[in-house]
Amino acid sequence: MDDELFRATYRKLADLLQNDDGAAAKMFEANNHIFNAAFPREFSDIKAAISRFDFESAQTQLVHAMMAHYEVSDEQQ
């Protein structure tokens, strides 16, 4: 996965969620393959929160997934 594309997509979704923007649902759906690949364990919970329009919970889960993803990536280097 292209790290630059992943980070840009992550930042866009996080921004939409933070601003309680309904466009987050469409953006997530359009890029769900990226988030599923990056966060396979957390993906279904993030998806469920977004589908309920619980953007605060989705953002929290997304941030925690990102932190865990980069902890693992750093350990693998």
C-alpha atoms as a PDB file:
ATOM      1  CA  MET A   1       0.000   0.000   0.000  1.00  0.00           C
ATOM      2  CA  ASP A   2       1.220   3.472  -0.883  1.00  0.00           C
ATOM      3  CA  ASP A   3       2.016   5.074   2.478  1.00  0.00           C
ATOM      4  CA  GLU A   4       1.510   8.627   1.206  1.00  0.00           C
ATOM      5  CA  LEU A   5      -1.918   7.760  -0.227  1.00  0.00           C
ATOM      6  CA  PHE A   6      -2.850   5.945   2.975  1.00  0.00           C
ATOM      7  CA  ARG A   7      -1.867   8.890   5.189  1.00  0.00           C
ATOM      8  CA  ALA A   8      -3.743  11.395   3.002  1.00  0.00           C
ATOM      9  CA  THR A   9      -6.850   9.199   2.995  1.00  0.00           C
ATOM     10  CA  TYR A  10      -6.614   8.719   6.758  1.00  0.00           C
ATOM     11  CA  ARG A  11      -6.251  12.468   7.375  1.00  0.00           C
ATOM     12  CA  LYS A  12      -9.237  13.262   5.146  1.00  0.00           C
ATOM     13  CA  LEU A  13     -11.471  10.745   6.908  1.00  0.00           C
ATOM     14  CA  ALA A  14     -10.313  11.866  10.350  1.00  0.00           C
ATOM     15  CA  ASP A  15     -11.078  15.481   9.415  1.00  0.00           C
ATOM     16  CA  LEU A  16     -14.560  14.614   8.149  1.00  0.00           C
ATOM     17  CA  LEU A  17     -15.310  12.602  11.285  1.00  0.00           C
ATOM     18  CA  GLN A  18     -14.024  15.361  13.558  1.00  0.00           C
ATOM     19  CA  ASN A  19     -16.288  17.870  11.812  1.00  0.00           C
ATOM     20  CA  ASP A  20     -19.265  15.512  12.038  1.00  0.00           C
ATOM     21  CA  ASP A  21     -19.541  15.671   8.256  1.00  0.00           C
ATOM     22  CA  GLY A  22     -21.922  13.189   6.669  1.00  0.00           C
ATOM     23  CA  ALA A  23     -19.535  12.933   3.708  1.00  0.00           C
ATOM     24  CA  ALA A  24     -17.411  10.702   5.952  1.00  0.00           C
ATOM     25  CA  ALA A  25     -19.707   7.756   5.205  1.00  0.00           C
ATOM     26  CA  LYS A  26     -19.272   8.066   1.433  1.00  0.00           C
ATOM     27  CA  MET A  27     -15.557   8.716   1.754  1.00  0.00           C
ATOM     28  CA  PHE A  28     -15.110   5.636   3.962  1.00  0.00           C
ATOM     29  CA  GLU A  29     -17.156   3.484   1.587  1.00  0.00           C
ATOM     30  CA  ALA A  30     -15.146   4.657  -1.416  1.00  0.00           C
ATOM     31  CA  ASN A  31     -11.875   3.859   0.366  1.00  0.00           C
ATOM     32  CA  ASN A  32     -12.877   0.904   2.515  1.00  0.00           C
ATOM     33  CA  HIS A  33     -10.326  -1.327   0.776  1.00  0.00           C
ATOM     34  CA  ILE A  34      -7.563   0.956   2.082  1.00  0.00           C
ATOM     35  CA  PHE A  35      -8.862   0.973   5.652  1.00  0.00           C
ATOM     36  CA  ASN A  36      -9.586  -2.754   5.644  1.00  0.00           C
ATOM     37  CA  ALA A  37      -6.032  -3.474   4.498  1.00  0.00           C
ATOM     38  CA  ALA A  38      -4.527  -1.101   7.055  1.00  0.00           C
ATOM     39  CA  PHE A  39      -6.773  -1.980  10.001  1.00  0.00           C
ATOM     40  CA  PRO A  40      -8.147  -5.503   9.519  1.00  0.00           C
ATOM     41  CA  ARG A  41      -8.904  -6.018  13.216  1.00  0.00           C
ATOM     42  CA  GLU A  42     -10.567  -2.640  13.745  1.00  0.00           C
ATOM     43  CA  PHE A  43     -12.234  -2.276  10.343  1.00  0.00           C
ATOM     44  CA  SER A  44     -15.638  -3.752  11.199  1.00  0.00           C
ATOM     45  CA  ASP A  45     -15.995  -1.622  14.353  1.00  0.00           C
ATOM     46  CA  ILE A  46     -15.058   1.564  12.503  1.00  0.00           C
ATOM     47  CA  LYS A  47     -17.436   0.672   9.672  1.00  0.00           C
ATOM     48  CA  ALA A  48     -20.277  -0.029  12.112  1.00  0.00           C
ATOM     49  CA  ALA A  49     -19.786   3.295  13.915  1.00  0.00           C
ATOM     50  CA  ILE A  50     -19.758   5.196  10.627  1.00  0.00           C
ATOM     51  CA  SER A  51     -22.882   3.394   9.394  1.00  0.00           C
ATOM     52  CA  ARG A  52     -24.637   4.512  12.613  1.00  0.00           C
ATOM     53  CA  PHE A  53     -23.339   8.057  12.003  1.00  0.00           C
ATOM     54  CA  ASP A  54     -21.564   7.795  15.363  1.00  0.00           C
ATOM     55  CA  PHE A  55     -18.672   9.838  14.046  1.00  0.00           C
ATOM     56  CA  GLU A  56     -17.183  10.547  17.468  1.00  0.00           C
ATOM     57  CA  SER A  57     -16.812   6.835  18.180  1.00  0.00           C
ATOM     58  CA  ALA A  58     -15.566   6.162  14.655  1.00  0.00           C
ATOM     59  CA  GLN A  59     -12.928   8.860  14.981  1.00  0.00           C
ATOM     60  CA  THR A  60     -11.751   7.505  18.332  1.00  0.00           C
ATOM     61  CA  GLN A  61     -11.495   3.990  16.912  1.00  0.00           C
ATOM     62  CA  LEU A  62      -9.727   5.275  13.792  1.00  0.00           C
ATOM     63  CA  VAL A  63      -7.125   7.157  15.834  1.00  0.00           C
ATOM     64  CA  HIS A  64      -6.496   4.151  18.081  1.00  0.00           C
ATOM     65  CA  ALA A  65      -6.158   1.898  15.033  1.00  0.00           C
ATOM     66  CA  MET A  66      -3.686   4.310  13.463  1.00  0.00           C
ATOM     67  CA  MET A  67      -1.621   4.451  16.660  1.00  0.00           C
ATOM     68  CA  ALA A  68      -1.577   0.648  16.888  1.00  0.00           C
ATOM     69  CA  HIS A  69      -0.738   0.338  13.184  1.00  0.00           C
ATOM     70  CA  TYR A  70       2.294   2.551  13.481  1.00  0.00           C
ATOM     71  CA  GLU A  71       3.460   0.921  16.716  1.00  0.00           C
ATOM     72  CA  VAL A  72       3.468  -2.421  14.894  1.00  0.00           C
ATOM     73  CA  SER A  73       5.109  -0.918  11.798  1.00  0.00           C
ATOM     74  CA  ASP A  74       7.855   0.633  13.904  1.00  0.00           C
ATOM     75  CA  GLU A  75       8.471  -2.668  15.705  1.00  0.00           C
ATOM     76  CA  GLN A  76       8.754  -4.532  12.404  1.00  0.00           C
ATOM     77  CA  GLN A  77      11.572  -2.290  11.159  1.00  0.00           C
END
